[in-house]
Amino acid sequence: MAKLPLNFPLKWIIIAVCLIFSGLFFTNEKIMTA
């Protein structure tokens, strides 16, 4: 895993994780309803 600078804002990591999980959930919903 790449080392992040110590001053990297943690909120951006949380936002990115939330976006990834919501994207996976949306994709699963589309597959299930297709």
N, C-alpha and C. Protein backbone atom coordinates (compact mmCIF):
# COMPACT_ATOMS: atom_id res chain seq x y z
N MET A 1 0.85 -1.19 0.00
CA MET A 1 0.00 0.00 0.00
C MET A 1 0.88 1.24 0.00
N ALA A 2 0.55 2.19 -0.86
CA ALA A 2 1.37 3.39 -0.98
C ALA A 2 1.27 4.23 0.29
N LYS A 3 2.41 4.83 0.66
CA LYS A 3 2.42 5.67 1.85
C LYS A 3 1.84 7.04 1.51
N LEU A 4 0.88 7.46 2.30
CA LEU A 4 0.31 8.79 2.10
C LEU A 4 1.07 9.79 2.95
N PRO A 5 1.16 11.04 2.49
CA PRO A 5 1.78 12.06 3.33
C PRO A 5 1.01 12.21 4.63
N LEU A 6 1.72 12.55 5.69
CA LEU A 6 1.09 12.61 7.01
C LEU A 6 0.00 13.67 7.06
N ASN A 7 0.10 14.69 6.20
CA ASN A 7 -0.89 15.76 6.26
C ASN A 7 -2.04 15.51 5.30
N PHE A 8 -2.11 14.29 4.73
CA PHE A 8 -3.20 13.97 3.82
C PHE A 8 -4.51 14.00 4.60
N PRO A 9 -5.48 14.80 4.14
CA PRO A 9 -6.74 14.91 4.89
C PRO A 9 -7.50 13.59 4.93
N LEU A 10 -7.81 13.14 6.12
CA LEU A 10 -8.49 11.85 6.30
C LEU A 10 -9.88 11.87 5.69
N LYS A 11 -10.50 13.07 5.66
CA LYS A 11 -11.87 13.13 5.14
C LYS A 11 -11.94 12.71 3.69
N TRP A 12 -10.88 12.97 2.91
CA TRP A 12 -10.91 12.58 1.51
C TRP A 12 -10.86 11.07 1.36
N ILE A 13 -10.16 10.39 2.25
CA ILE A 13 -10.13 8.93 2.23
C ILE A 13 -11.53 8.39 2.53
N ILE A 14 -12.18 8.99 3.53
CA ILE A 14 -13.52 8.54 3.91
C ILE A 14 -14.50 8.78 2.77
N ILE A 15 -14.40 9.95 2.13
CA ILE A 15 -15.28 10.27 1.01
C ILE A 15 -15.06 9.28 -0.13
N ALA A 16 -13.79 8.99 -0.42
CA ALA A 16 -13.49 8.06 -1.52
C ALA A 16 -14.07 6.67 -1.21
N VAL A 17 -13.92 6.20 0.01
CA VAL A 17 -14.46 4.89 0.39
C VAL A 17 -15.98 4.88 0.26
N CYS A 18 -16.61 5.97 0.70
CA CYS A 18 -18.07 6.05 0.61
C CYS A 18 -18.51 6.01 -0.85
N LEU A 19 -17.78 6.73 -1.72
CA LEU A 19 -18.14 6.75 -3.13
C LEU A 19 -17.97 5.36 -3.74
N ILE A 20 -16.89 4.68 -3.39
CA ILE A 20 -16.64 3.34 -3.94
C ILE A 20 -17.74 2.38 -3.51
N PHE A 21 -18.10 2.42 -2.21
CA PHE A 21 -19.12 1.49 -1.73
C PHE A 21 -20.48 1.81 -2.31
N SER A 22 -20.82 3.10 -2.45
CA SER A 22 -22.11 3.44 -3.04
C SER A 22 -22.12 3.06 -4.52
N GLY A 23 -20.97 3.15 -5.18
CA GLY A 23 -20.89 2.75 -6.58
C GLY A 23 -21.09 1.24 -6.72
N LEU A 24 -20.48 0.47 -5.84
CA LEU A 24 -20.65 -0.99 -5.88
C LEU A 24 -22.10 -1.35 -5.59
N PHE A 25 -22.71 -0.67 -4.64
CA PHE A 25 -24.10 -0.95 -4.28
C PHE A 25 -25.00 -0.63 -5.46
N PHE A 26 -24.76 0.50 -6.12
CA PHE A 26 -25.57 0.91 -7.27
C PHE A 26 -25.43 -0.11 -8.40
N THR A 27 -24.21 -0.57 -8.63
CA THR A 27 -23.98 -1.56 -9.68
C THR A 27 -24.70 -2.87 -9.34
N ASN A 28 -24.64 -3.29 -8.10
CA ASN A 28 -25.32 -4.52 -7.70
C ASN A 28 -26.83 -4.38 -7.86
N GLU A 29 -27.36 -3.21 -7.52
CA GLU A 29 -28.79 -2.98 -7.67
C GLU A 29 -29.20 -3.10 -9.13
N LYS A 30 -28.40 -2.52 -10.03
CA LYS A 30 -28.72 -2.57 -11.45
C LYS A 30 -28.66 -4.00 -11.97
N ILE A 31 -27.69 -4.78 -11.50
CA ILE A 31 -27.56 -6.17 -11.94
C ILE A 31 -28.75 -6.99 -11.43
N MET A 32 -29.14 -6.75 -10.18
CA MET A 32 -30.22 -7.53 -9.60
C MET A 32 -31.56 -7.24 -10.28
N THR A 33 -31.76 -5.97 -10.67
CA THR A 33 -33.05 -5.60 -11.24
C THR A 33 -33.08 -5.79 -12.75
N ALA A 34 -31.93 -6.08 -13.35
CA ALA A 34 -31.88 -6.23 -14.81
C ALA A 34 -32.58 -7.52 -15.24
